[in-house]
Amino acid sequence: MTRLNLVLLGILVLCALSVVTSQHRARKLYVELQKQQELAQQIAVEWGQLQLEQSTWATHGRIDKVASGNLKMGVPPPSRVQFIAPESRR
């Protein structure tokens, strides 16, 4: 009978250790999940900021200012403008 008790005790200890190990792993994974969710939130905020910045850089007024000021571009005189008629589709 004592041999059976020792075997059962050994099984009990192994089960207890596996429960502790699985709980520890679950806690580590939960902490990692929280970190990844926080990182995803930061990336989403940065994405919104980049979209706002892109829309600011792409405004017509700014493009016109850069083209005329920095690049010395302007509207060509009417004598230099050519109109090309589109090809007719059959």
PDB file of N, CA and C in Angstrom:
ATOM      1  N   MET A   1       0.819  -1.196   0.000  1.00  0.00           N
ATOM      2  CA  MET A   1       0.000   0.000   0.000  1.00  0.00           C
ATOM      3  C   MET A   1       0.864   1.262   0.000  1.00  0.00           C
ATOM      4  N   THR A   2       1.996   1.246   0.659  1.00  0.00           N
ATOM      5  CA  THR A   2       2.849   2.422   0.701  1.00  0.00           C
ATOM      6  C   THR A   2       3.475   2.699  -0.664  1.00  0.00           C
ATOM      7  N   ARG A   3       3.698   1.649  -1.422  1.00  0.00           N
ATOM      8  CA  ARG A   3       4.261   1.837  -2.763  1.00  0.00           C
ATOM      9  C   ARG A   3       3.258   2.590  -3.648  1.00  0.00           C
ATOM     10  N   LEU A   4       1.977   2.217  -3.539  1.00  0.00           N
ATOM     11  CA  LEU A   4       0.929   2.891  -4.305  1.00  0.00           C
ATOM     12  C   LEU A   4       0.817   4.354  -3.875  1.00  0.00           C
ATOM     13  N   ASN A   5       0.937   4.606  -2.591  1.00  0.00           N
ATOM     14  CA  ASN A   5       0.884   5.986  -2.091  1.00  0.00           C
ATOM     15  C   ASN A   5       2.050   6.818  -2.629  1.00  0.00           C
ATOM     16  N   LEU A   6       3.226   6.237  -2.702  1.00  0.00           N
ATOM     17  CA  LEU A   6       4.386   6.942  -3.236  1.00  0.00           C
ATOM     18  C   LEU A   6       4.194   7.257  -4.730  1.00  0.00           C
ATOM     19  N   VAL A   7       3.650   6.311  -5.455  1.00  0.00           N
ATOM     20  CA  VAL A   7       3.395   6.542  -6.883  1.00  0.00           C
ATOM     21  C   VAL A   7       2.366   7.658  -7.047  1.00  0.00           C
ATOM     22  N   LEU A   8       1.303   7.602  -6.273  1.00  0.00           N
ATOM     23  CA  LEU A   8       0.280   8.641  -6.340  1.00  0.00           C
ATOM     24  C   LEU A   8       0.835  10.002  -5.912  1.00  0.00           C
ATOM     25  N   LEU A   9       1.681  10.007  -4.908  1.00  0.00           N
ATOM     26  CA  LEU A   9       2.317  11.241  -4.473  1.00  0.00           C
ATOM     27  C   LEU A   9       3.196  11.820  -5.574  1.00  0.00           C
ATOM     28  N   GLY A  10       3.927  10.958  -6.236  1.00  0.00           N
ATOM     29  CA  GLY A  10       4.774  11.407  -7.351  1.00  0.00           C
ATOM     30  C   GLY A  10       3.932  11.985  -8.476  1.00  0.00           C
ATOM     31  N   ILE A  11       2.823  11.333  -8.808  1.00  0.00           N
ATOM     32  CA  ILE A  11       1.921  11.839  -9.846  1.00  0.00           C
ATOM     33  C   ILE A  11       1.335  13.175  -9.427  1.00  0.00           C
ATOM     34  N   LEU A  12       0.962  13.291  -8.158  1.00  0.00           N
ATOM     35  CA  LEU A  12       0.399  14.537  -7.642  1.00  0.00           C
ATOM     36  C   LEU A  12       1.407  15.685  -7.753  1.00  0.00           C
ATOM     37  N   VAL A  13       2.666  15.414  -7.405  1.00  0.00           N
ATOM     38  CA  VAL A  13       3.710  16.432  -7.478  1.00  0.00           C
ATOM     39  C   VAL A  13       3.922  16.855  -8.932  1.00  0.00           C
ATOM     40  N   LEU A  14       3.944  15.885  -9.849  1.00  0.00           N
ATOM     41  CA  LEU A  14       4.108  16.210 -11.268  1.00  0.00           C
ATOM     42  C   LEU A  14       2.944  17.047 -11.787  1.00  0.00           C
ATOM     43  N   CYS A  15       1.738  16.706 -11.385  1.00  0.00           N
ATOM     44  CA  CYS A  15       0.569  17.485 -11.795  1.00  0.00           C
ATOM     45  C   CYS A  15       0.635  18.904 -11.236  1.00  0.00           C
ATOM     46  N   ALA A  16       1.027  19.028  -9.999  1.00  0.00           N
ATOM     47  CA  ALA A  16       1.127  20.350  -9.383  1.00  0.00           C
ATOM     48  C   ALA A  16       2.185  21.192 -10.101  1.00  0.00           C
ATOM     49  N   LEU A  17       3.316  20.596 -10.421  1.00  0.00           N
ATOM     50  CA  LEU A  17       4.357  21.320 -11.146  1.00  0.00           C
ATOM     51  C   LEU A  17       3.899  21.728 -12.543  1.00  0.00           C
ATOM     52  N   SER A  18       3.152  20.859 -13.199  1.00  0.00           N
ATOM     53  CA  SER A  18       2.679  21.218 -14.539  1.00  0.00           C
ATOM     54  C   SER A  18       1.654  22.351 -14.477  1.00  0.00           C
ATOM     55  N   VAL A  19       0.824  22.371 -13.424  1.00  0.00           N
ATOM     56  CA  VAL A  19      -0.137  23.466 -13.262  1.00  0.00           C
ATOM     57  C   VAL A  19       0.603  24.786 -13.032  1.00  0.00           C
ATOM     58  N   VAL A  20       1.604  24.766 -12.179  1.00  0.00           N
ATOM     59  CA  VAL A  20       2.377  25.972 -11.895  1.00  0.00           C
ATOM     60  C   VAL A  20       3.088  26.443 -13.162  1.00  0.00           C
ATOM     61  N   THR A  21       3.666  25.519 -13.890  1.00  0.00           N
ATOM     62  CA  THR A  21       4.370  25.873 -15.126  1.00  0.00           C
ATOM     63  C   THR A  21       3.413  26.472 -16.155  1.00  0.00           C
ATOM     64  N   SER A  22       2.258  25.872 -16.321  1.00  0.00           N
ATOM     65  CA  SER A  22       1.302  26.393 -17.314  1.00  0.00           C
ATOM     66  C   SER A  22       0.755  27.754 -16.888  1.00  0.00           C
ATOM     67  N   GLN A  23       0.532  27.973 -15.619  1.00  0.00           N
ATOM     68  CA  GLN A  23       0.076  29.287 -15.156  1.00  0.00           C
ATOM     69  C   GLN A  23       1.153  30.349 -15.382  1.00  0.00           C
ATOM     70  N   HIS A  24       2.398  29.980 -15.116  1.00  0.00           N
ATOM     71  CA  HIS A  24       3.500  30.916 -15.342  1.00  0.00           C
ATOM     72  C   HIS A  24       3.599  31.268 -16.822  1.00  0.00           C
ATOM     73  N   ARG A  25       3.484  30.275 -17.689  1.00  0.00           N
ATOM     74  CA  ARG A  25       3.538  30.524 -19.132  1.00  0.00           C
ATOM     75  C   ARG A  25       2.365  31.392 -19.580  1.00  0.00           C
ATOM     76  N   ALA A  26       1.183  31.135 -19.031  1.00  0.00           N
ATOM     77  CA  ALA A  26       0.013  31.936 -19.387  1.00  0.00           C
ATOM     78  C   ALA A  26       0.200  33.393 -18.960  1.00  0.00           C
ATOM     79  N   ARG A  27       0.773  33.619 -17.795  1.00  0.00           N
ATOM     80  CA  ARG A  27       1.018  34.991 -17.338  1.00  0.00           C
ATOM     81  C   ARG A  27       2.046  35.691 -18.227  1.00  0.00           C
ATOM     82  N   LYS A  28       3.096  34.976 -18.610  1.00  0.00           N
ATOM     83  CA  LYS A  28       4.100  35.571 -19.493  1.00  0.00           C
ATOM     84  C   LYS A  28       3.483  35.922 -20.844  1.00  0.00           C
ATOM     85  N   LEU A  29       2.648  35.046 -21.374  1.00  0.00           N
ATOM     86  CA  LEU A  29       2.004  35.317 -22.656  1.00  0.00           C
ATOM     87  C   LEU A  29       1.030  36.490 -22.554  1.00  0.00           C
ATOM     88  N   TYR A  30       0.347  36.615 -21.428  1.00  0.00           N
ATOM     89  CA  TYR A  30      -0.573  37.732 -21.238  1.00  0.00           C
ATOM     90  C   TYR A  30       0.185  39.052 -21.188  1.00  0.00           C
ATOM     91  N   VAL A  31       1.326  39.064 -20.509  1.00  0.00           N
ATOM     92  CA  VAL A  31       2.152  40.277 -20.448  1.00  0.00           C
ATOM     93  C   VAL A  31       2.633  40.634 -21.857  1.00  0.00           C
ATOM     94  N   GLU A  32       3.050  39.630 -22.618  1.00  0.00           N
ATOM     95  CA  GLU A  32       3.492  39.879 -23.990  1.00  0.00           C
ATOM     96  C   GLU A  32       2.338  40.403 -24.848  1.00  0.00           C
ATOM     97  N   LEU A  33       1.151  39.869 -24.642  1.00  0.00           N
ATOM     98  CA  LEU A  33      -0.030  40.345 -25.366  1.00  0.00           C
ATOM     99  C   LEU A  33      -0.298  41.815 -25.047  1.00  0.00           C
ATOM    100  N   GLN A  34      -0.192  42.191 -23.798  1.00  0.00           N
ATOM    101  CA  GLN A  34      -0.406  43.576 -23.402  1.00  0.00           C
ATOM    102  C   GLN A  34       0.623  44.498 -24.068  1.00  0.00           C
ATOM    103  N   LYS A  35       1.875  44.057 -24.118  1.00  0.00           N
ATOM    104  CA  LYS A  35       2.918  44.862 -24.763  1.00  0.00           C
ATOM    105  C   LYS A  35       2.621  45.037 -26.245  1.00  0.00           C
ATOM    106  N   GLN A  36       2.200  43.965 -26.900  1.00  0.00           N
ATOM    107  CA  GLN A  36       1.919  44.042 -28.334  1.00  0.00           C
ATOM    108  C   GLN A  36       0.692  44.917 -28.619  1.00  0.00           C
ATOM    109  N   GLN A  37      -0.298  44.867 -27.754  1.00  0.00           N
ATOM    110  CA  GLN A  37      -1.472  45.725 -27.934  1.00  0.00           C
ATOM    111  C   GLN A  37      -1.101  47.193 -27.747  1.00  0.00           C
ATOM    112  N   GLU A  38      -0.235  47.477 -26.795  1.00  0.00           N
ATOM    113  CA  GLU A  38       0.230  48.851 -26.586  1.00  0.00           C
ATOM    114  C   GLU A  38       1.027  49.331 -27.788  1.00  0.00           C
ATOM    115  N   LEU A  39       1.868  48.460 -28.333  1.00  0.00           N
ATOM    116  CA  LEU A  39       2.636  48.805 -29.525  1.00  0.00           C
ATOM    117  C   LEU A  39       1.708  49.056 -30.711  1.00  0.00           C
ATOM    118  N   ALA A  40       0.671  48.233 -30.861  1.00  0.00           N
ATOM    119  CA  ALA A  40      -0.292  48.426 -31.949  1.00  0.00           C
ATOM    120  C   ALA A  40      -1.007  49.770 -31.804  1.00  0.00           C
ATOM    121  N   GLN A  41      -1.326  50.145 -30.576  1.00  0.00           N
ATOM    122  CA  GLN A  41      -1.973  51.440 -30.336  1.00  0.00           C
ATOM    123  C   GLN A  41      -1.040  52.583 -30.709  1.00  0.00           C
ATOM    124  N   GLN A  42       0.231  52.468 -30.330  1.00  0.00           N
ATOM    125  CA  GLN A  42       1.206  53.507 -30.675  1.00  0.00           C
ATOM    126  C   GLN A  42       1.370  53.617 -32.193  1.00  0.00           C
ATOM    127  N   ILE A  43       1.390  52.485 -32.871  1.00  0.00           N
ATOM    128  CA  ILE A  43       1.527  52.492 -34.326  1.00  0.00           C
ATOM    129  C   ILE A  43       0.296  53.120 -34.969  1.00  0.00           C
ATOM    130  N   ALA A  44      -0.880  52.838 -34.433  1.00  0.00           N
ATOM    131  CA  ALA A  44      -2.105  53.437 -34.973  1.00  0.00           C
ATOM    132  C   ALA A  44      -2.091  54.957 -34.804  1.00  0.00           C
ATOM    133  N   VAL A  45      -1.616  55.435 -33.663  1.00  0.00           N
ATOM    134  CA  VAL A  45      -1.519  56.883 -33.439  1.00  0.00           C
ATOM    135  C   VAL A  45      -0.516  57.489 -34.414  1.00  0.00           C
ATOM    136  N   GLU A  46       0.626  56.836 -34.574  1.00  0.00           N
ATOM    137  CA  GLU A  46       1.643  57.341 -35.502  1.00  0.00           C
ATOM    138  C   GLU A  46       1.114  57.341 -36.939  1.00  0.00           C
ATOM    139  N   TRP A  47       0.350  56.323 -37.315  1.00  0.00           N
ATOM    140  CA  TRP A  47      -0.238  56.261 -38.649  1.00  0.00           C
ATOM    141  C   TRP A  47      -1.187  57.449 -38.878  1.00  0.00           C
ATOM    142  N   GLY A  48      -1.987  57.760 -37.890  1.00  0.00           N
ATOM    143  CA  GLY A  48      -2.883  58.910 -37.996  1.00  0.00           C
ATOM    144  C   GLY A  48      -2.115  60.210 -38.149  1.00  0.00           C
ATOM    145  N   GLN A  49      -1.035  60.347 -37.404  1.00  0.00           N
ATOM    146  CA  GLN A  49      -0.219  61.550 -37.503  1.00  0.00           C
ATOM    147  C   GLN A  49       0.434  61.661 -38.879  1.00  0.00           C
ATOM    148  N   LEU A  50       0.886  60.524 -39.407  1.00  0.00           N
ATOM    149  CA  LEU A  50       1.510  60.542 -40.732  1.00  0.00           C
ATOM    150  C   LEU A  50       0.499  60.874 -41.824  1.00  0.00           C
ATOM    151  N   GLN A  51      -0.720  60.376 -41.689  1.00  0.00           N
ATOM    152  CA  GLN A  51      -1.753  60.717 -42.666  1.00  0.00           C
ATOM    153  C   GLN A  51      -2.068  62.211 -42.625  1.00  0.00           C
ATOM    154  N   LEU A  52      -2.143  62.764 -41.427  1.00  0.00           N
ATOM    155  CA  LEU A  52      -2.383  64.200 -41.280  1.00  0.00           C
ATOM    156  C   LEU A  52      -1.232  65.001 -41.890  1.00  0.00           C
ATOM    157  N   GLU A  53      -0.020  64.575 -41.626  1.00  0.00           N
ATOM    158  CA  GLU A  53       1.144  65.261 -42.183  1.00  0.00           C
ATOM    159  C   GLU A  53       1.146  65.175 -43.707  1.00  0.00           C
ATOM    160  N   GLN A  54       0.806  64.017 -44.240  1.00  0.00           N
ATOM    161  CA  GLN A  54       0.759  63.863 -45.691  1.00  0.00           C
ATOM    162  C   GLN A  54      -0.294  64.781 -46.314  1.00  0.00           C
ATOM    163  N   SER A  55      -1.444  64.860 -45.682  1.00  0.00           N
ATOM    164  CA  SER A  55      -2.481  65.734 -46.234  1.00  0.00           C
ATOM    165  C   SER A  55      -2.060  67.206 -46.153  1.00  0.00           C
ATOM    166  N   THR A  56      -1.291  67.560 -45.142  1.00  0.00           N
ATOM    167  CA  THR A  56      -0.798  68.934 -45.023  1.00  0.00           C
ATOM    168  C   THR A  56       0.214  69.240 -46.123  1.00  0.00           C
ATOM    169  N   TRP A  57       1.132  68.318 -46.372  1.00  0.00           N
ATOM    170  CA  TRP A  57       2.152  68.529 -47.392  1.00  0.00           C
ATOM    171  C   TRP A  57       1.558  68.543 -48.798  1.00  0.00           C
ATOM    172  N   ALA A  58       0.421  67.902 -48.986  1.00  0.00           N
ATOM    173  CA  ALA A  58      -0.143  67.755 -50.324  1.00  0.00           C
ATOM    174  C   ALA A  58      -1.227  68.779 -50.646  1.00  0.00           C
ATOM    175  N   THR A  59      -1.391  69.807 -49.837  1.00  0.00           N
ATOM    176  CA  THR A  59      -2.417  70.808 -50.138  1.00  0.00           C
ATOM    177  C   THR A  59      -2.030  71.580 -51.396  1.00  0.00           C
ATOM    178  N   HIS A  60      -3.041  72.003 -52.138  1.00  0.00           N
ATOM    179  CA  HIS A  60      -2.798  72.707 -53.399  1.00  0.00           C
ATOM    180  C   HIS A  60      -2.025  74.008 -53.181  1.00  0.00           C
ATOM    181  N   GLY A  61      -2.351  74.700 -52.119  1.00  0.00           N
ATOM    182  CA  GLY A  61      -1.665  75.955 -51.842  1.00  0.00           C
ATOM    183  C   GLY A  61      -0.180  75.763 -51.617  1.00  0.00           C
ATOM    184  N   ARG A  62       0.175  74.730 -50.877  1.00  0.00           N
ATOM    185  CA  ARG A  62       1.586  74.464 -50.600  1.00  0.00           C
ATOM    186  C   ARG A  62       2.316  74.027 -51.858  1.00  0.00           C
ATOM    187  N   ILE A  63       1.687  73.166 -52.641  1.00  0.00           N
ATOM    188  CA  ILE A  63       2.314  72.721 -53.884  1.00  0.00           C
ATOM    189  C   ILE A  63       2.530  73.906 -54.819  1.00  0.00           C
ATOM    190  N   ASP A  64       1.533  74.785 -54.924  1.00  0.00           N
ATOM    191  CA  ASP A  64       1.662  75.977 -55.766  1.00  0.00           C
ATOM    192  C   ASP A  64       2.785  76.880 -55.263  1.00  0.00           C
ATOM    193  N   LYS A  65       2.884  77.047 -53.961  1.00  0.00           N
ATOM    194  CA  LYS A  65       3.921  77.896 -53.368  1.00  0.00           C
ATOM    195  C   LYS A  65       5.307  77.328 -53.652  1.00  0.00           C
ATOM    196  N   VAL A  66       5.482  76.020 -53.477  1.00  0.00           N
ATOM    197  CA  VAL A  66       6.788  75.394 -53.722  1.00  0.00           C
ATOM    198  C   VAL A  66       7.124  75.459 -55.211  1.00  0.00           C
ATOM    199  N   ALA A  67       6.123  75.197 -56.064  1.00  0.00           N
ATOM    200  CA  ALA A  67       6.381  75.210 -57.508  1.00  0.00           C
ATOM    201  C   ALA A  67       6.782  76.599 -57.989  1.00  0.00           C
ATOM    202  N   SER A  68       6.092  77.617 -57.526  1.00  0.00           N
ATOM    203  CA  SER A  68       6.401  78.965 -58.000  1.00  0.00           C
ATOM    204  C   SER A  68       7.603  79.556 -57.286  1.00  0.00           C
ATOM    205  N   GLY A  69       7.770  79.283 -56.009  1.00  0.00           N
ATOM    206  CA  GLY A  69       8.862  79.881 -55.240  1.00  0.00           C
ATOM    207  C   GLY A  69      10.172  79.145 -55.400  1.00  0.00           C
ATOM    208  N   ASN A  70      10.224  77.909 -55.017  1.00  0.00           N
ATOM    209  CA  ASN A  70      11.480  77.149 -55.023  1.00  0.00           C
ATOM    210  C   ASN A  70      11.873  76.683 -56.422  1.00  0.00           C
ATOM    211  N   LEU A  71      10.898  76.242 -57.204  1.00  0.00           N
ATOM    212  CA  LEU A  71      11.207  75.655 -58.501  1.00  0.00           C
ATOM    213  C   LEU A  71      11.077  76.645 -59.657  1.00  0.00           C
ATOM    214  N   LYS A  72      10.646  77.868 -59.353  1.00  0.00           N
ATOM    215  CA  LYS A  72      10.488  78.918 -60.362  1.00  0.00           C
ATOM    216  C   LYS A  72       9.595  78.461 -61.523  1.00  0.00           C
ATOM    217  N   MET A  73       8.529  77.772 -61.185  1.00  0.00           N
ATOM    218  CA  MET A  73       7.580  77.316 -62.192  1.00  0.00           C
ATOM    219  C   MET A  73       6.408  78.284 -62.246  1.00  0.00           C
ATOM    220  N   GLY A  74       5.747  78.333 -63.376  1.00  0.00           N
ATOM    221  CA  GLY A  74       4.596  79.205 -63.517  1.00  0.00           C
ATOM    222  C   GLY A  74       3.695  78.699 -64.628  1.00  0.00           C
ATOM    223  N   VAL A  75       2.581  79.361 -64.790  1.00  0.00           N
ATOM    224  CA  VAL A  75       1.639  78.994 -65.845  1.00  0.00           C
ATOM    225  C   VAL A  75       2.219  79.505 -67.170  1.00  0.00           C
ATOM    226  N   PRO A  76       2.271  78.647 -68.183  1.00  0.00           N
ATOM    227  CA  PRO A  76       2.839  79.093 -69.459  1.00  0.00           C
ATOM    228  C   PRO A  76       1.910  80.096 -70.141  1.00  0.00           C
ATOM    229  N   PRO A  77       2.467  80.939 -70.995  1.00  0.00           N
ATOM    230  CA  PRO A  77       1.616  81.897 -71.720  1.00  0.00           C
ATOM    231  C   PRO A  77       0.715  81.147 -72.702  1.00  0.00           C
ATOM    232  N   PRO A  78      -0.433  81.745 -73.042  1.00  0.00           N
ATOM    233  CA  PRO A  78      -1.372  81.062 -73.933  1.00  0.00           C
ATOM    234  C   PRO A  78      -0.758  80.643 -75.267  1.00  0.00           C
ATOM    235  N   SER A  79       0.244  81.344 -75.737  1.00  0.00           N
ATOM    236  CA  SER A  79       0.860  80.978 -77.015  1.00  0.00           C
ATOM    237  C   SER A  79       1.628  79.655 -76.930  1.00  0.00           C
ATOM    238  N   ARG A  80       1.977  79.249 -75.734  1.00  0.00           N
ATOM    239  CA  ARG A  80       2.743  78.002 -75.553  1.00  0.00           C
ATOM    240  C   ARG A  80       1.856  76.817 -75.195  1.00  0.00           C
ATOM    241  N   VAL A  81       0.575  77.045 -75.037  1.00  0.00           N
ATOM    242  CA  VAL A  81      -0.350  75.973 -74.648  1.00  0.00           C
ATOM    243  C   VAL A  81      -0.879  75.292 -75.902  1.00  0.00           C
ATOM    244  N   GLN A  82      -0.844  73.981 -75.925  1.00  0.00           N
ATOM    245  CA  GLN A  82      -1.371  73.202 -77.052  1.00  0.00           C
ATOM    246  C   GLN A  82      -2.442  72.262 -76.525  1.00  0.00           C
ATOM    247  N   PHE A  83      -3.537  72.164 -77.239  1.00  0.00           N
ATOM    248  CA  PHE A  83      -4.602  71.237 -76.876  1.00  0.00           C
ATOM    249  C   PHE A  83      -4.553  70.057 -77.830  1.00  0.00           C
ATOM    250  N   ILE A  84      -4.634  68.881 -77.314  1.00  0.00           N
ATOM    251  CA  ILE A  84      -4.609  67.663 -78.118  1.00  0.00           C
ATOM    252  C   ILE A  84      -5.961  66.989 -77.962  1.00  0.00           C
ATOM    253  N   ALA A  85      -6.608  66.756 -79.076  1.00  0.00           N
ATOM    254  CA  ALA A  85      -7.925  66.110 -79.049  1.00  0.00           C
ATOM    255  C   ALA A  85      -7.754  64.625 -78.787  1.00  0.00           C
ATOM    256  N   PRO A  86      -8.615  64.056 -77.966  1.00  0.00           N
ATOM    257  CA  PRO A  86      -8.516  62.606 -77.700  1.00  0.00           C
ATOM    258  C   PRO A  86      -8.914  61.819 -78.937  1.00  0.00           C
ATOM    259  N   GLU A  87      -8.350  60.649 -79.027  1.00  0.00           N
ATOM    260  CA  GLU A  87      -8.684  59.767 -80.139  1.00  0.00           C
ATOM    261  C   GLU A  87     -10.134  59.288 -79.979  1.00  0.00           C
ATOM    262  N   SER A  88     -10.809  59.153 -81.098  1.00  0.00           N
ATOM    263  CA  SER A  88     -12.199  58.672 -81.017  1.00  0.00           C
ATOM    264  C   SER A  88     -12.186  57.154 -80.877  1.00  0.00           C
ATOM    265  N   ARG A  89     -13.058  56.665 -80.074  1.00  0.00           N
ATOM    266  CA  ARG A  89     -13.162  55.218 -79.838  1.00  0.00           C
ATOM    267  C   ARG A  89     -14.177  54.616 -80.801  1.00  0.00           C
ATOM    268  N   ARG A  90     -13.905  53.467 -81.264  1.00  0.00           N
ATOM    269  CA  ARG A  90     -14.829  52.801 -82.186  1.00  0.00           C
ATOM    270  C   ARG A  90     -15.707  51.830 -81.467  1.00  0.00           C
TER     271      ARG A  90
END
